[in-house]
Amino acid sequence: MLFAIGHQIRVERKRRKITQQQIASDLGMSRATISQIEQGTVQDIGVRKLIRILEYLGLELCVRPTGMPPTLDELLKEREQA
């Protein structure tokens, strides 16, 4: 799951032409932490820190039961991002 979240963070960051260092500086984090989050290799990340990154990029975290098919809104968003 963290890999998928990290991937979406990277996609949106690049789409907005923002560097890892810019996010890190603006949010008071290290560039290495941002990189590890994007790669899905971060050992320990707090929810608040993750939410700050998502909000910075205009993203949100959604929770739903495992195995549920994507909603129409989710499919439309994926299509817009592609």
N, C-alpha and C. Protein backbone atom coordinates (compact mmCIF):
# COMPACT_ATOMS: atom_id res chain seq x y z
N MET A 1 0.82 -1.19 0.00
CA MET A 1 0.00 0.00 0.00
C MET A 1 0.87 1.26 0.00
N LEU A 2 1.94 1.27 0.82
CA LEU A 2 2.80 2.46 0.86
C LEU A 2 3.46 2.70 -0.49
N PHE A 3 3.75 1.61 -1.22
CA PHE A 3 4.33 1.77 -2.55
C PHE A 3 3.36 2.51 -3.47
N ALA A 4 2.08 2.14 -3.43
CA ALA A 4 1.08 2.79 -4.28
C ALA A 4 0.89 4.25 -3.90
N ILE A 5 0.88 4.54 -2.61
CA ILE A 5 0.75 5.93 -2.15
C ILE A 5 1.96 6.73 -2.60
N GLY A 6 3.14 6.16 -2.40
CA GLY A 6 4.37 6.83 -2.82
C GLY A 6 4.40 7.10 -4.30
N HIS A 7 3.92 6.13 -5.07
CA HIS A 7 3.88 6.31 -6.53
C HIS A 7 2.98 7.49 -6.91
N GLN A 8 1.82 7.58 -6.29
CA GLN A 8 0.91 8.68 -6.59
C GLN A 8 1.50 10.03 -6.17
N ILE A 9 2.22 10.04 -5.06
CA ILE A 9 2.88 11.27 -4.62
C ILE A 9 3.90 11.69 -5.66
N ARG A 10 4.71 10.75 -6.13
CA ARG A 10 5.73 11.06 -7.15
C ARG A 10 5.09 11.56 -8.45
N VAL A 11 4.05 10.89 -8.89
CA VAL A 11 3.37 11.29 -10.13
C VAL A 11 2.85 12.73 -10.01
N GLU A 12 2.20 13.04 -8.91
CA GLU A 12 1.64 14.38 -8.74
C GLU A 12 2.74 15.42 -8.57
N ARG A 13 3.80 15.09 -7.85
CA ARG A 13 4.91 16.03 -7.66
C ARG A 13 5.53 16.38 -9.01
N LYS A 14 5.78 15.37 -9.82
CA LYS A 14 6.37 15.61 -11.14
C LYS A 14 5.41 16.37 -12.04
N ARG A 15 4.13 16.05 -11.95
CA ARG A 15 3.14 16.76 -12.77
C ARG A 15 3.15 18.25 -12.44
N ARG A 16 3.34 18.56 -11.18
CA ARG A 16 3.36 19.96 -10.74
C ARG A 16 4.75 20.60 -10.86
N LYS A 17 5.73 19.79 -11.31
CA LYS A 17 7.10 20.28 -11.49
C LYS A 17 7.69 20.81 -10.17
N ILE A 18 7.51 20.02 -9.12
CA ILE A 18 8.03 20.34 -7.80
C ILE A 18 9.14 19.34 -7.49
N THR A 19 10.24 19.81 -6.93
CA THR A 19 11.32 18.90 -6.57
C THR A 19 11.07 18.29 -5.20
N GLN A 20 11.73 17.16 -4.96
CA GLN A 20 11.67 16.56 -3.64
C GLN A 20 12.22 17.53 -2.60
N GLN A 21 13.29 18.25 -2.96
CA GLN A 21 13.89 19.19 -2.03
C GLN A 21 12.94 20.32 -1.68
N GLN A 22 12.16 20.77 -2.65
CA GLN A 22 11.19 21.85 -2.39
C GLN A 22 10.14 21.40 -1.39
N ILE A 23 9.59 20.20 -1.58
CA ILE A 23 8.61 19.68 -0.63
C ILE A 23 9.24 19.54 0.75
N ALA A 24 10.42 18.95 0.79
CA ALA A 24 11.11 18.73 2.05
C ALA A 24 11.33 20.06 2.78
N SER A 25 11.82 21.05 2.08
CA SER A 25 12.07 22.36 2.70
C SER A 25 10.79 23.01 3.18
N ASP A 26 9.77 22.99 2.35
CA ASP A 26 8.50 23.63 2.70
C ASP A 26 7.82 22.96 3.89
N LEU A 27 8.01 21.65 4.04
CA LEU A 27 7.34 20.91 5.11
C LEU A 27 8.25 20.57 6.28
N GLY A 28 9.51 20.99 6.22
CA GLY A 28 10.43 20.73 7.32
C GLY A 28 10.82 19.27 7.45
N MET A 29 10.98 18.61 6.32
CA MET A 29 11.38 17.20 6.29
C MET A 29 12.68 17.09 5.51
N SER A 30 13.27 15.91 5.54
CA SER A 30 14.47 15.69 4.73
C SER A 30 14.08 15.24 3.33
N ARG A 31 14.94 15.54 2.36
CA ARG A 31 14.71 15.09 1.00
C ARG A 31 14.76 13.57 0.95
N ALA A 32 15.61 12.96 1.79
CA ALA A 32 15.71 11.50 1.83
C ALA A 32 14.38 10.87 2.24
N THR A 33 13.69 11.50 3.18
CA THR A 33 12.39 10.98 3.62
C THR A 33 11.38 11.03 2.48
N ILE A 34 11.35 12.15 1.75
CA ILE A 34 10.43 12.27 0.61
C ILE A 34 10.76 11.20 -0.42
N SER A 35 12.03 11.00 -0.70
CA SER A 35 12.45 9.98 -1.66
C SER A 35 12.03 8.59 -1.22
N GLN A 36 12.23 8.27 0.06
CA GLN A 36 11.85 6.95 0.57
C GLN A 36 10.35 6.74 0.52
N ILE A 37 9.59 7.77 0.79
CA ILE A 37 8.13 7.67 0.70
C ILE A 37 7.72 7.36 -0.74
N GLU A 38 8.29 8.11 -1.68
CA GLU A 38 7.96 7.90 -3.09
C GLU A 38 8.34 6.50 -3.57
N GLN A 39 9.43 5.96 -3.04
CA GLN A 39 9.89 4.63 -3.44
C GLN A 39 9.19 3.50 -2.68
N GLY A 40 8.45 3.87 -1.63
CA GLY A 40 7.78 2.86 -0.82
C GLY A 40 8.73 2.12 0.10
N THR A 41 9.89 2.71 0.38
CA THR A 41 10.89 2.05 1.21
C THR A 41 11.05 2.70 2.58
N VAL A 42 10.23 3.68 2.89
CA VAL A 42 10.34 4.36 4.18
C VAL A 42 10.05 3.36 5.29
N GLN A 43 10.88 3.37 6.32
CA GLN A 43 10.75 2.41 7.41
C GLN A 43 9.60 2.76 8.35
N ASP A 44 9.48 4.05 8.64
CA ASP A 44 8.47 4.47 9.60
C ASP A 44 8.00 5.88 9.23
N ILE A 45 6.72 6.03 8.97
CA ILE A 45 6.17 7.35 8.60
C ILE A 45 4.90 7.56 9.39
N GLY A 46 4.81 8.71 10.03
CA GLY A 46 3.60 9.04 10.77
C GLY A 46 2.48 9.45 9.83
N VAL A 47 1.27 9.19 10.23
CA VAL A 47 0.11 9.53 9.41
C VAL A 47 0.04 11.05 9.19
N ARG A 48 0.31 11.82 10.21
CA ARG A 48 0.25 13.28 10.07
C ARG A 48 1.24 13.78 9.04
N LYS A 49 2.43 13.21 9.05
CA LYS A 49 3.46 13.62 8.08
C LYS A 49 3.01 13.26 6.67
N LEU A 50 2.46 12.07 6.50
CA LEU A 50 1.98 11.64 5.20
C LEU A 50 0.84 12.54 4.73
N ILE A 51 -0.08 12.86 5.61
CA ILE A 51 -1.21 13.72 5.25
C ILE A 51 -0.72 15.12 4.86
N ARG A 52 0.30 15.64 5.54
CA ARG A 52 0.85 16.95 5.18
C ARG A 52 1.39 16.95 3.76
N ILE A 53 2.08 15.88 3.38
CA ILE A 53 2.60 15.76 2.02
C ILE A 53 1.46 15.70 1.02
N LEU A 54 0.46 14.88 1.31
CA LEU A 54 -0.69 14.75 0.41
C LEU A 54 -1.41 16.08 0.24
N GLU A 55 -1.65 16.78 1.34
CA GLU A 55 -2.33 18.08 1.27
C GLU A 55 -1.50 19.08 0.48
N TYR A 56 -0.20 19.07 0.68
CA TYR A 56 0.70 19.96 -0.05
C TYR A 56 0.53 19.79 -1.56
N LEU A 57 0.31 18.55 -1.98
CA LEU A 57 0.17 18.24 -3.40
C LEU A 57 -1.28 18.24 -3.88
N GLY A 58 -2.22 18.56 -2.98
CA GLY A 58 -3.63 18.58 -3.37
C GLY A 58 -4.22 17.19 -3.50
N LEU A 59 -3.68 16.23 -2.76
CA LEU A 59 -4.17 14.86 -2.78
C LEU A 59 -4.85 14.55 -1.46
N GLU A 60 -5.60 13.47 -1.42
CA GLU A 60 -6.22 13.04 -0.17
C GLU A 60 -6.11 11.54 -0.03
N LEU A 61 -6.14 11.08 1.19
CA LEU A 61 -6.08 9.66 1.50
C LEU A 61 -7.50 9.15 1.70
N CYS A 62 -7.86 8.09 1.01
CA CYS A 62 -9.20 7.52 1.12
C CYS A 62 -9.10 6.11 1.69
N VAL A 63 -10.05 5.75 2.53
CA VAL A 63 -10.07 4.43 3.14
C VAL A 63 -11.34 3.72 2.68
N ARG A 64 -11.16 2.46 2.27
CA ARG A 64 -12.32 1.67 1.87
C ARG A 64 -12.02 0.21 2.12
N PRO A 65 -13.03 -0.63 2.19
CA PRO A 65 -12.79 -2.05 2.45
C PRO A 65 -11.92 -2.69 1.37
N THR A 66 -11.08 -3.61 1.79
CA THR A 66 -10.21 -4.34 0.88
C THR A 66 -11.04 -5.12 -0.13
N GLY A 67 -10.59 -5.10 -1.37
CA GLY A 67 -11.24 -5.88 -2.41
C GLY A 67 -12.42 -5.21 -3.07
N MET A 68 -12.81 -4.05 -2.58
CA MET A 68 -13.93 -3.34 -3.19
C MET A 68 -13.49 -2.80 -4.55
N PRO A 69 -14.34 -2.89 -5.56
CA PRO A 69 -13.98 -2.33 -6.85
C PRO A 69 -13.91 -0.80 -6.75
N PRO A 70 -13.13 -0.17 -7.62
CA PRO A 70 -13.05 1.30 -7.57
C PRO A 70 -14.40 1.93 -7.88
N THR A 71 -14.61 3.10 -7.30
CA THR A 71 -15.84 3.84 -7.58
C THR A 71 -15.72 4.52 -8.94
N LEU A 72 -16.82 5.01 -9.44
CA LEU A 72 -16.82 5.73 -10.71
C LEU A 72 -15.92 6.96 -10.61
N ASP A 73 -15.99 7.67 -9.49
CA ASP A 73 -15.14 8.85 -9.30
C ASP A 73 -13.67 8.48 -9.35
N GLU A 74 -13.30 7.37 -8.72
CA GLU A 74 -11.90 6.92 -8.73
C GLU A 74 -11.45 6.58 -10.14
N LEU A 75 -12.29 5.91 -10.89
CA LEU A 75 -11.94 5.55 -12.27
C LEU A 75 -11.78 6.81 -13.13
N LEU A 76 -12.66 7.77 -12.93
CA LEU A 76 -12.57 9.02 -13.70
C LEU A 76 -11.29 9.78 -13.36
N LYS A 77 -10.93 9.82 -12.07
CA LYS A 77 -9.69 10.50 -11.67
C LYS A 77 -8.48 9.82 -12.27
N GLU A 78 -8.47 8.49 -12.26
CA GLU A 78 -7.35 7.75 -12.86
C GLU A 78 -7.25 8.06 -14.34
N ARG A 79 -8.37 8.14 -14.99
CA ARG A 79 -8.38 8.42 -16.43
C ARG A 79 -7.85 9.82 -16.71
N GLU A 80 -8.21 10.80 -15.85
CA GLU A 80 -7.72 12.17 -16.01
C GLU A 80 -6.22 12.24 -15.81
N GLN A 81 -5.68 11.44 -14.92
CA GLN A 81 -4.26 11.48 -14.61
C GLN A 81 -3.43 10.77 -15.66
N ALA A 82 -4.03 9.91 -16.42
CA ALA A 82 -3.28 9.13 -17.42
C ALA A 82 -2.93 9.94 -18.64
